[in-house]
N, C-alpha and C. Protein backbone atom coordinates (compact mmCIF):
# COMPACT_ATOMS: atom_id res chain seq x y z
N TYR A 1 -6.32 36.99 34.78
CA TYR A 1 -5.98 35.84 34.46
C TYR A 1 -7.10 34.93 34.85
N LEU A 2 -7.77 34.67 33.47
CA LEU A 2 -9.05 33.93 33.95
C LEU A 2 -8.85 32.50 32.93
N VAL A 3 -9.23 31.42 33.60
CA VAL A 3 -8.84 30.35 32.86
C VAL A 3 -10.57 29.40 32.79
N SER A 4 -10.66 28.97 31.47
CA SER A 4 -11.97 28.39 31.10
C SER A 4 -12.23 27.10 31.54
N LYS A 5 -13.29 26.51 32.00
CA LYS A 5 -13.55 25.47 32.70
C LYS A 5 -12.86 24.15 31.88
N THR A 6 -13.17 24.17 30.66
CA THR A 6 -12.70 23.07 29.72
C THR A 6 -10.99 23.02 29.66
N SER A 7 -10.44 24.00 30.00
CA SER A 7 -8.95 23.84 29.77
C SER A 7 -8.37 23.28 31.32
N ILE A 8 -9.38 23.67 32.40
CA ILE A 8 -8.75 23.32 33.80
C ILE A 8 -9.55 21.51 33.70
N TYR A 9 -10.35 21.28 33.20
CA TYR A 9 -10.75 19.88 32.85
C TYR A 9 -9.97 18.93 32.35
N ASN A 10 -9.09 19.93 31.20
CA ASN A 10 -8.23 18.93 30.38
C ASN A 10 -6.88 18.86 30.99
N ASP A 11 -6.78 19.85 31.76
CA ASP A 11 -5.20 20.08 32.66
C ASP A 11 -5.46 18.69 33.62
N ILE A 12 -6.82 18.37 34.45
CA ILE A 12 -7.14 17.22 35.39
C ILE A 12 -6.76 16.23 34.65
N LYS A 13 -7.39 15.98 33.25
CA LYS A 13 -7.33 14.61 32.58
C LYS A 13 -6.10 14.24 32.26
N VAL A 14 -4.94 15.42 32.09
CA VAL A 14 -3.39 14.85 31.69
C VAL A 14 -2.79 14.44 33.13
N ILE A 15 -3.24 15.47 34.13
CA ILE A 15 -2.47 15.26 35.42
C ILE A 15 -2.78 13.55 35.76
N ASN A 16 -4.44 13.46 35.57
CA ASN A 16 -4.77 11.82 36.11
C ASN A 16 -3.96 10.94 35.11
N LYS A 17 -3.74 11.12 33.95
CA LYS A 17 -3.08 10.16 32.82
C LYS A 17 -1.44 10.23 33.35
N VAL A 18 -0.87 11.21 33.63
CA VAL A 18 0.58 10.93 34.37
C VAL A 18 0.64 10.26 35.29
N ILE A 19 -0.48 10.49 36.53
CA ILE A 19 -0.16 9.77 37.86
C ILE A 19 -0.70 8.26 37.34
N GLU A 20 -1.20 7.86 36.50
CA GLU A 20 -1.47 6.58 36.37
C GLU A 20 -0.35 6.15 35.57
N GLY A 21 0.31 6.56 34.96
CA GLY A 21 1.47 6.22 34.03
C GLY A 21 2.51 6.08 35.29
N TYR A 22 2.77 6.69 35.96
CA TYR A 22 3.64 6.42 37.33
C TYR A 22 3.18 5.48 38.15
N GLY A 23 1.73 5.49 38.34
CA GLY A 23 1.36 4.59 39.22
C GLY A 23 1.92 2.78 38.35
N SER A 24 1.58 2.69 36.94
CA SER A 24 1.72 1.52 36.37
C SER A 24 3.54 1.15 36.57
N LYS A 25 4.07 2.41 36.52
CA LYS A 25 5.69 1.97 36.27
C LYS A 25 5.97 1.55 37.52
N ILE A 26 5.42 2.10 38.81
CA ILE A 26 5.86 1.49 40.02
C ILE A 26 5.25 0.09 40.32
N VAL A 27 4.32 -0.19 39.69
CA VAL A 27 3.81 -1.61 40.00
C VAL A 27 4.64 -2.64 39.15
N SER A 28 4.95 -1.99 38.02
CA SER A 28 5.71 -3.06 36.96
C SER A 28 7.10 -3.40 37.70
N LYS A 29 7.25 -2.17 38.17
CA LYS A 29 8.94 -2.26 38.91
C LYS A 29 8.91 -3.41 40.33
N GLY A 30 7.67 -3.21 40.96
CA GLY A 30 7.28 -3.97 42.03
C GLY A 30 7.90 -3.29 43.23
N CYS A 31 7.96 -2.10 43.19
CA CYS A 31 8.42 -1.12 44.40
C CYS A 31 7.21 -1.22 45.49
């Protein structure tokens, strides 16, 4: 099971976007 570097980088970008989304939601809620 080999994964290309581009797919790994794309996954990291998506994860970063998700983390940023959760972070903004927490900040907006004021938790």
